[in-house]
N, C-alpha and C. Protein backbone atom coordinates (compact mmCIF):
# COMPACT_ATOMS: atom_id res chain seq x y z
N MET A 1 -13.46 7.00 -22.57
CA MET A 1 -12.35 6.36 -21.88
C MET A 1 -12.88 5.48 -20.76
N THR A 2 -12.41 4.26 -20.72
CA THR A 2 -12.82 3.33 -19.68
C THR A 2 -11.77 3.28 -18.59
N MET A 3 -12.20 3.45 -17.36
CA MET A 3 -11.29 3.44 -16.22
C MET A 3 -11.35 2.06 -15.58
N ASN A 4 -10.23 1.38 -15.53
CA ASN A 4 -10.17 0.11 -14.83
C ASN A 4 -10.18 0.38 -13.34
N GLY A 5 -10.66 -0.57 -12.59
CA GLY A 5 -10.68 -0.42 -11.14
C GLY A 5 -9.31 -0.63 -10.55
N PRO A 6 -9.19 -0.45 -9.25
CA PRO A 6 -7.90 -0.64 -8.60
C PRO A 6 -7.44 -2.09 -8.69
N ARG A 7 -6.16 -2.28 -8.93
CA ARG A 7 -5.54 -3.60 -8.90
C ARG A 7 -4.76 -3.69 -7.58
N TRP A 8 -5.32 -4.41 -6.64
CA TRP A 8 -4.75 -4.51 -5.30
C TRP A 8 -3.62 -5.52 -5.27
N ARG A 9 -2.58 -5.19 -4.50
CA ARG A 9 -1.47 -6.11 -4.29
C ARG A 9 -1.00 -5.99 -2.85
N THR A 10 -0.43 -7.07 -2.35
CA THR A 10 0.15 -7.06 -1.01
C THR A 10 1.67 -7.09 -1.13
N SER A 11 2.32 -6.78 -0.07
CA SER A 11 3.78 -6.79 -0.04
C SER A 11 4.31 -8.19 -0.31
N THR A 12 5.45 -8.26 -0.96
CA THR A 12 6.09 -9.55 -1.17
C THR A 12 6.58 -10.13 0.15
N ARG A 13 6.66 -9.30 1.19
CA ARG A 13 7.08 -9.77 2.51
C ARG A 13 5.90 -10.26 3.35
N SER A 14 4.69 -10.18 2.81
CA SER A 14 3.52 -10.63 3.53
C SER A 14 3.47 -12.15 3.57
N THR A 15 2.82 -12.67 4.58
CA THR A 15 2.63 -14.11 4.68
C THR A 15 1.15 -14.42 4.67
N ASP A 16 0.81 -15.68 4.56
CA ASP A 16 -0.58 -16.10 4.58
C ASP A 16 -1.05 -16.45 5.99
N SER A 17 -0.27 -16.05 7.01
CA SER A 17 -0.60 -16.44 8.38
C SER A 17 -1.57 -15.47 9.06
N GLY A 18 -2.13 -14.52 8.32
CA GLY A 18 -3.13 -13.63 8.90
C GLY A 18 -2.57 -12.49 9.72
N GLY A 19 -1.34 -12.12 9.48
CA GLY A 19 -0.72 -11.03 10.22
C GLY A 19 -1.23 -9.67 9.78
N ASN A 20 -0.64 -8.62 10.34
CA ASN A 20 -1.02 -7.26 9.98
C ASN A 20 -0.45 -6.94 8.61
N CYS A 21 -1.31 -6.65 7.66
CA CYS A 21 -0.87 -6.41 6.30
C CYS A 21 -1.79 -5.40 5.63
N ILE A 22 -1.24 -4.71 4.68
CA ILE A 22 -2.04 -3.80 3.88
C ILE A 22 -1.98 -4.22 2.42
N GLU A 23 -2.94 -3.73 1.66
CA GLU A 23 -2.94 -3.89 0.22
C GLU A 23 -2.87 -2.50 -0.39
N VAL A 24 -2.17 -2.40 -1.50
CA VAL A 24 -1.97 -1.12 -2.17
C VAL A 24 -2.42 -1.25 -3.62
N ALA A 25 -3.10 -0.23 -4.11
CA ALA A 25 -3.46 -0.13 -5.53
C ALA A 25 -2.85 1.17 -6.04
N ASP A 26 -1.84 1.03 -6.91
CA ASP A 26 -1.17 2.22 -7.43
C ASP A 26 -1.26 2.30 -8.96
N ASN A 27 -2.31 1.68 -9.49
CA ASN A 27 -2.50 1.67 -10.94
C ASN A 27 -3.44 2.75 -11.45
N LEU A 28 -4.02 3.53 -10.57
CA LEU A 28 -4.96 4.58 -10.98
C LEU A 28 -4.23 5.91 -11.13
N PRO A 29 -4.61 6.71 -12.09
CA PRO A 29 -3.92 7.99 -12.28
C PRO A 29 -4.16 8.96 -11.12
N GLY A 30 -3.06 9.47 -10.57
CA GLY A 30 -3.14 10.53 -9.57
C GLY A 30 -3.51 10.12 -8.17
N VAL A 31 -3.58 8.81 -7.89
CA VAL A 31 -3.96 8.39 -6.54
C VAL A 31 -3.38 7.01 -6.24
N VAL A 32 -3.01 6.81 -4.97
CA VAL A 32 -2.60 5.51 -4.46
C VAL A 32 -3.58 5.15 -3.36
N LEU A 33 -4.19 3.98 -3.46
CA LEU A 33 -5.17 3.54 -2.47
C LEU A 33 -4.54 2.49 -1.56
N VAL A 34 -4.93 2.51 -0.29
CA VAL A 34 -4.40 1.58 0.71
C VAL A 34 -5.56 1.07 1.54
N ARG A 35 -5.56 -0.24 1.81
CA ARG A 35 -6.62 -0.83 2.65
C ARG A 35 -6.03 -1.96 3.48
N ASP A 36 -6.78 -2.35 4.50
CA ASP A 36 -6.41 -3.46 5.37
C ASP A 36 -6.74 -4.76 4.65
N SER A 37 -5.77 -5.65 4.54
CA SER A 37 -6.01 -6.90 3.81
C SER A 37 -7.01 -7.81 4.50
N LYS A 38 -7.22 -7.62 5.80
CA LYS A 38 -8.19 -8.44 6.54
C LYS A 38 -9.60 -7.86 6.48
N ASP A 39 -9.75 -6.64 5.98
CA ASP A 39 -11.05 -5.98 5.91
C ASP A 39 -11.20 -5.31 4.55
N ARG A 40 -11.24 -6.11 3.52
CA ARG A 40 -11.24 -5.59 2.15
C ARG A 40 -12.46 -4.75 1.81
N SER A 41 -13.54 -4.92 2.52
CA SER A 41 -14.72 -4.09 2.25
C SER A 41 -14.76 -2.86 3.17
N GLY A 42 -13.77 -2.73 4.02
CA GLY A 42 -13.70 -1.61 4.96
C GLY A 42 -13.18 -0.34 4.30
N PRO A 43 -12.80 0.63 5.10
CA PRO A 43 -12.36 1.92 4.57
C PRO A 43 -11.07 1.81 3.76
N THR A 44 -10.92 2.76 2.85
CA THR A 44 -9.73 2.85 2.01
C THR A 44 -9.13 4.24 2.18
N LEU A 45 -7.83 4.29 2.38
CA LEU A 45 -7.12 5.56 2.44
C LEU A 45 -6.62 5.91 1.05
N SER A 46 -6.57 7.19 0.73
CA SER A 46 -6.03 7.60 -0.57
C SER A 46 -4.93 8.63 -0.35
N PHE A 47 -3.89 8.51 -1.17
CA PHE A 47 -2.72 9.37 -1.08
C PHE A 47 -2.35 9.87 -2.47
N ALA A 48 -1.77 11.05 -2.52
CA ALA A 48 -1.16 11.52 -3.76
C ALA A 48 0.07 10.65 -4.00
N PRO A 49 0.39 10.32 -5.24
CA PRO A 49 1.54 9.45 -5.51
C PRO A 49 2.85 9.95 -4.88
N ALA A 50 3.10 11.24 -4.91
CA ALA A 50 4.34 11.77 -4.31
C ALA A 50 4.36 11.55 -2.80
N ALA A 51 3.22 11.72 -2.15
CA ALA A 51 3.14 11.49 -0.70
C ALA A 51 3.40 10.02 -0.38
N TRP A 52 2.85 9.11 -1.19
CA TRP A 52 3.07 7.68 -0.96
C TRP A 52 4.54 7.31 -1.17
N ARG A 53 5.16 7.82 -2.23
CA ARG A 53 6.58 7.55 -2.47
C ARG A 53 7.42 8.05 -1.30
N GLY A 54 7.09 9.22 -0.77
CA GLY A 54 7.80 9.76 0.39
C GLY A 54 7.65 8.87 1.61
N PHE A 55 6.45 8.37 1.84
CA PHE A 55 6.20 7.47 2.97
C PHE A 55 7.03 6.19 2.82
N ILE A 56 7.02 5.61 1.63
CA ILE A 56 7.77 4.38 1.40
C ILE A 56 9.27 4.62 1.59
N ALA A 57 9.78 5.73 1.08
CA ALA A 57 11.20 6.05 1.24
C ALA A 57 11.55 6.21 2.72
N ASP A 58 10.72 6.91 3.47
CA ASP A 58 10.98 7.08 4.90
C ASP A 58 10.90 5.76 5.65
N ALA A 59 9.93 4.93 5.31
CA ALA A 59 9.78 3.64 5.98
C ALA A 59 10.97 2.74 5.69
N ALA A 60 11.44 2.74 4.46
CA ALA A 60 12.61 1.92 4.09
C ALA A 60 13.85 2.40 4.83
N GLN A 61 14.00 3.70 4.93
CA GLN A 61 15.16 4.26 5.63
C GLN A 61 15.09 3.92 7.11
N ASP A 62 13.90 4.01 7.70
CA ASP A 62 13.71 3.71 9.12
C ASP A 62 13.98 2.23 9.39
N THR A 63 13.54 1.36 8.49
CA THR A 63 13.78 -0.08 8.63
C THR A 63 15.27 -0.37 8.57
N GLY A 64 15.98 0.31 7.71
CA GLY A 64 17.42 0.13 7.61
C GLY A 64 18.14 0.51 8.89
N ARG A 65 17.64 1.56 9.55
CA ARG A 65 18.26 2.00 10.82
C ARG A 65 18.07 0.94 11.89
N ARG A 66 16.89 0.32 11.93
CA ARG A 66 16.62 -0.68 12.95
C ARG A 66 17.36 -1.98 12.68
N ALA A 67 17.55 -2.31 11.39
CA ALA A 67 18.21 -3.57 11.06
C ALA A 67 19.71 -3.52 11.33
N GLY A 68 20.29 -2.31 11.30
CA GLY A 68 21.75 -2.19 11.45
C GLY A 68 22.17 -2.11 12.81
């Protein structure tokens, strides 16, 4: 079995102006990887998929509270 490497993506809300942004790779089985888009060779955080989904759900809910 051949394992493909991580396929990194940035948020659709990201801009090219060099702001604070992360990249996420969620194509690997059993792990979600996160890195700083400005330091692609730097450290990478890894999360269980359920933990990452929980973080995203909480962040979206928190953003909704601030927007309203």
